[in-house]
Amino acid sequence: MPADTVPLRKPEDSHDGPAPLRRFGPYEIIRKLGRSMTDVYLARDTRNARLTVLKVVEESNDPYTQQVLIAERRGAAIQKQLRDPHPRALTAA
């Protein structure tokens, strides 16, 4: 977890795993959108004030997590290639 990552609440207040984040690197977490292979958050990039979707994968060397990372990176690369009249920016992967 980046050094400037700050939890929303203390871990002992949560019964659903680790405390959700308020900041993750340069991203300010607005709210959790859901969970699939990753935790998915609506966030604001503090460098340019743009809203973005932030997917957080827990650090682990286990094979499942490594496959999730590969799939998410592949998805990010595909999204960067998309062209449509209503673009959605992907700012970091």
Protein backbone atom coordinates (compact mmCIF):
# COMPACT_ATOMS: atom_id res chain seq x y z
CA MET A 1 0.00 0.00 0.00
CA PRO A 2 1.47 3.43 -0.88
CA ALA A 3 2.74 5.48 2.05
CA ASP A 4 0.14 8.20 1.44
CA THR A 5 -2.78 5.75 1.58
CA VAL A 6 -5.12 6.54 4.48
CA PRO A 7 -8.00 4.33 5.72
CA LEU A 8 -11.55 5.72 6.00
CA ARG A 9 -12.03 4.04 9.35
CA LYS A 10 -10.02 1.99 11.80
CA PRO A 11 -9.73 -1.73 10.91
CA GLU A 12 -11.35 -2.68 14.22
CA ASP A 13 -14.53 -0.82 13.12
CA SER A 14 -14.92 -3.11 10.10
CA HIS A 15 -16.28 -6.63 9.96
CA ASP A 16 -15.86 -6.85 6.18
CA GLY A 17 -12.09 -7.03 5.96
CA PRO A 18 -9.63 -4.15 5.80
CA ALA A 19 -10.82 -0.57 6.18
CA PRO A 20 -11.73 1.12 2.89
CA LEU A 21 -9.35 3.78 1.61
CA ARG A 22 -9.67 7.55 1.44
CA ARG A 23 -6.54 7.99 -0.65
CA PHE A 24 -4.52 5.66 -2.79
CA GLY A 25 -1.42 7.33 -4.18
CA PRO A 26 -2.61 10.46 -6.04
CA TYR A 27 -6.23 9.25 -6.04
CA GLU A 28 -8.85 10.48 -3.58
CA ILE A 29 -11.48 7.78 -3.04
CA ILE A 30 -15.04 9.05 -3.34
CA ARG A 31 -16.90 5.76 -2.85
CA LYS A 32 -16.68 2.05 -3.44
CA LEU A 33 -18.53 0.97 -6.57
CA GLY A 34 -18.25 -2.77 -6.11
CA ARG A 35 -16.07 -5.83 -6.07
CA SER A 36 -15.22 -8.35 -8.74
CA MET A 37 -11.71 -9.69 -9.17
CA THR A 38 -10.67 -6.35 -7.63
CA ASP A 39 -12.13 -3.69 -5.36
CA VAL A 40 -13.54 -0.98 -7.63
CA TYR A 41 -13.76 2.65 -6.50
CA LEU A 42 -14.90 5.96 -7.93
CA ALA A 43 -11.92 8.26 -7.38
CA ARG A 44 -10.62 11.71 -8.23
CA ASP A 45 -7.12 12.06 -9.61
CA THR A 46 -5.70 14.88 -7.48
CA ARG A 47 -3.17 15.76 -10.18
CA ASN A 48 -5.85 16.91 -12.64
CA ALA A 49 -9.18 16.70 -10.72
CA ARG A 50 -10.57 14.10 -13.17
CA LEU A 51 -12.97 11.41 -12.02
CA THR A 52 -11.78 7.91 -12.70
CA VAL A 53 -12.46 4.31 -11.79
CA LEU A 54 -9.74 2.85 -9.62
CA LYS A 55 -9.30 -0.92 -9.35
CA VAL A 56 -7.27 -2.08 -6.37
CA VAL A 57 -5.68 -5.54 -6.34
CA GLU A 58 -4.23 -6.72 -3.03
CA GLU A 59 -0.51 -7.45 -3.16
CA SER A 60 0.19 -11.17 -3.29
CA ASN A 61 2.41 -13.56 -5.21
CA ASP A 62 -0.18 -16.33 -5.30
CA PRO A 63 -1.10 -17.62 -8.80
CA TYR A 64 -4.71 -16.33 -8.68
CA THR A 65 -3.64 -12.76 -7.88
CA GLN A 66 -1.02 -12.87 -10.61
CA GLN A 67 -3.70 -13.94 -13.13
CA VAL A 68 -5.94 -11.08 -11.93
CA LEU A 69 -3.08 -8.61 -12.51
CA ILE A 70 -2.49 -9.96 -16.02
CA ALA A 71 -6.21 -9.73 -16.84
CA GLU A 72 -6.55 -6.19 -15.46
CA ARG A 73 -3.46 -4.97 -17.33
CA ARG A 74 -4.76 -6.53 -20.55
CA GLY A 75 -8.15 -4.86 -20.01
CA ALA A 76 -6.48 -1.50 -19.38
CA ALA A 77 -4.46 -1.82 -22.59
CA ILE A 78 -7.63 -2.59 -24.57
CA GLN A 79 -9.51 0.35 -23.03
CA LYS A 80 -6.70 2.72 -24.01
CA GLN A 81 -7.27 1.69 -27.65
CA LEU A 82 -11.02 2.32 -27.62
CA ARG A 83 -12.35 5.16 -29.70
CA ASP A 84 -15.94 6.26 -29.34
CA PRO A 85 -17.92 9.53 -29.30
CA HIS A 86 -18.10 9.40 -25.47
CA PRO A 87 -14.50 8.68 -24.45
CA ARG A 88 -13.67 7.42 -21.01
CA ALA A 89 -10.14 8.25 -19.99
CA LEU A 90 -7.89 5.64 -18.48
CA THR A 91 -5.26 7.57 -16.60
CA ALA A 92 -3.14 4.83 -15.01
CA ALA A 93 -2.80 1.07 -14.99
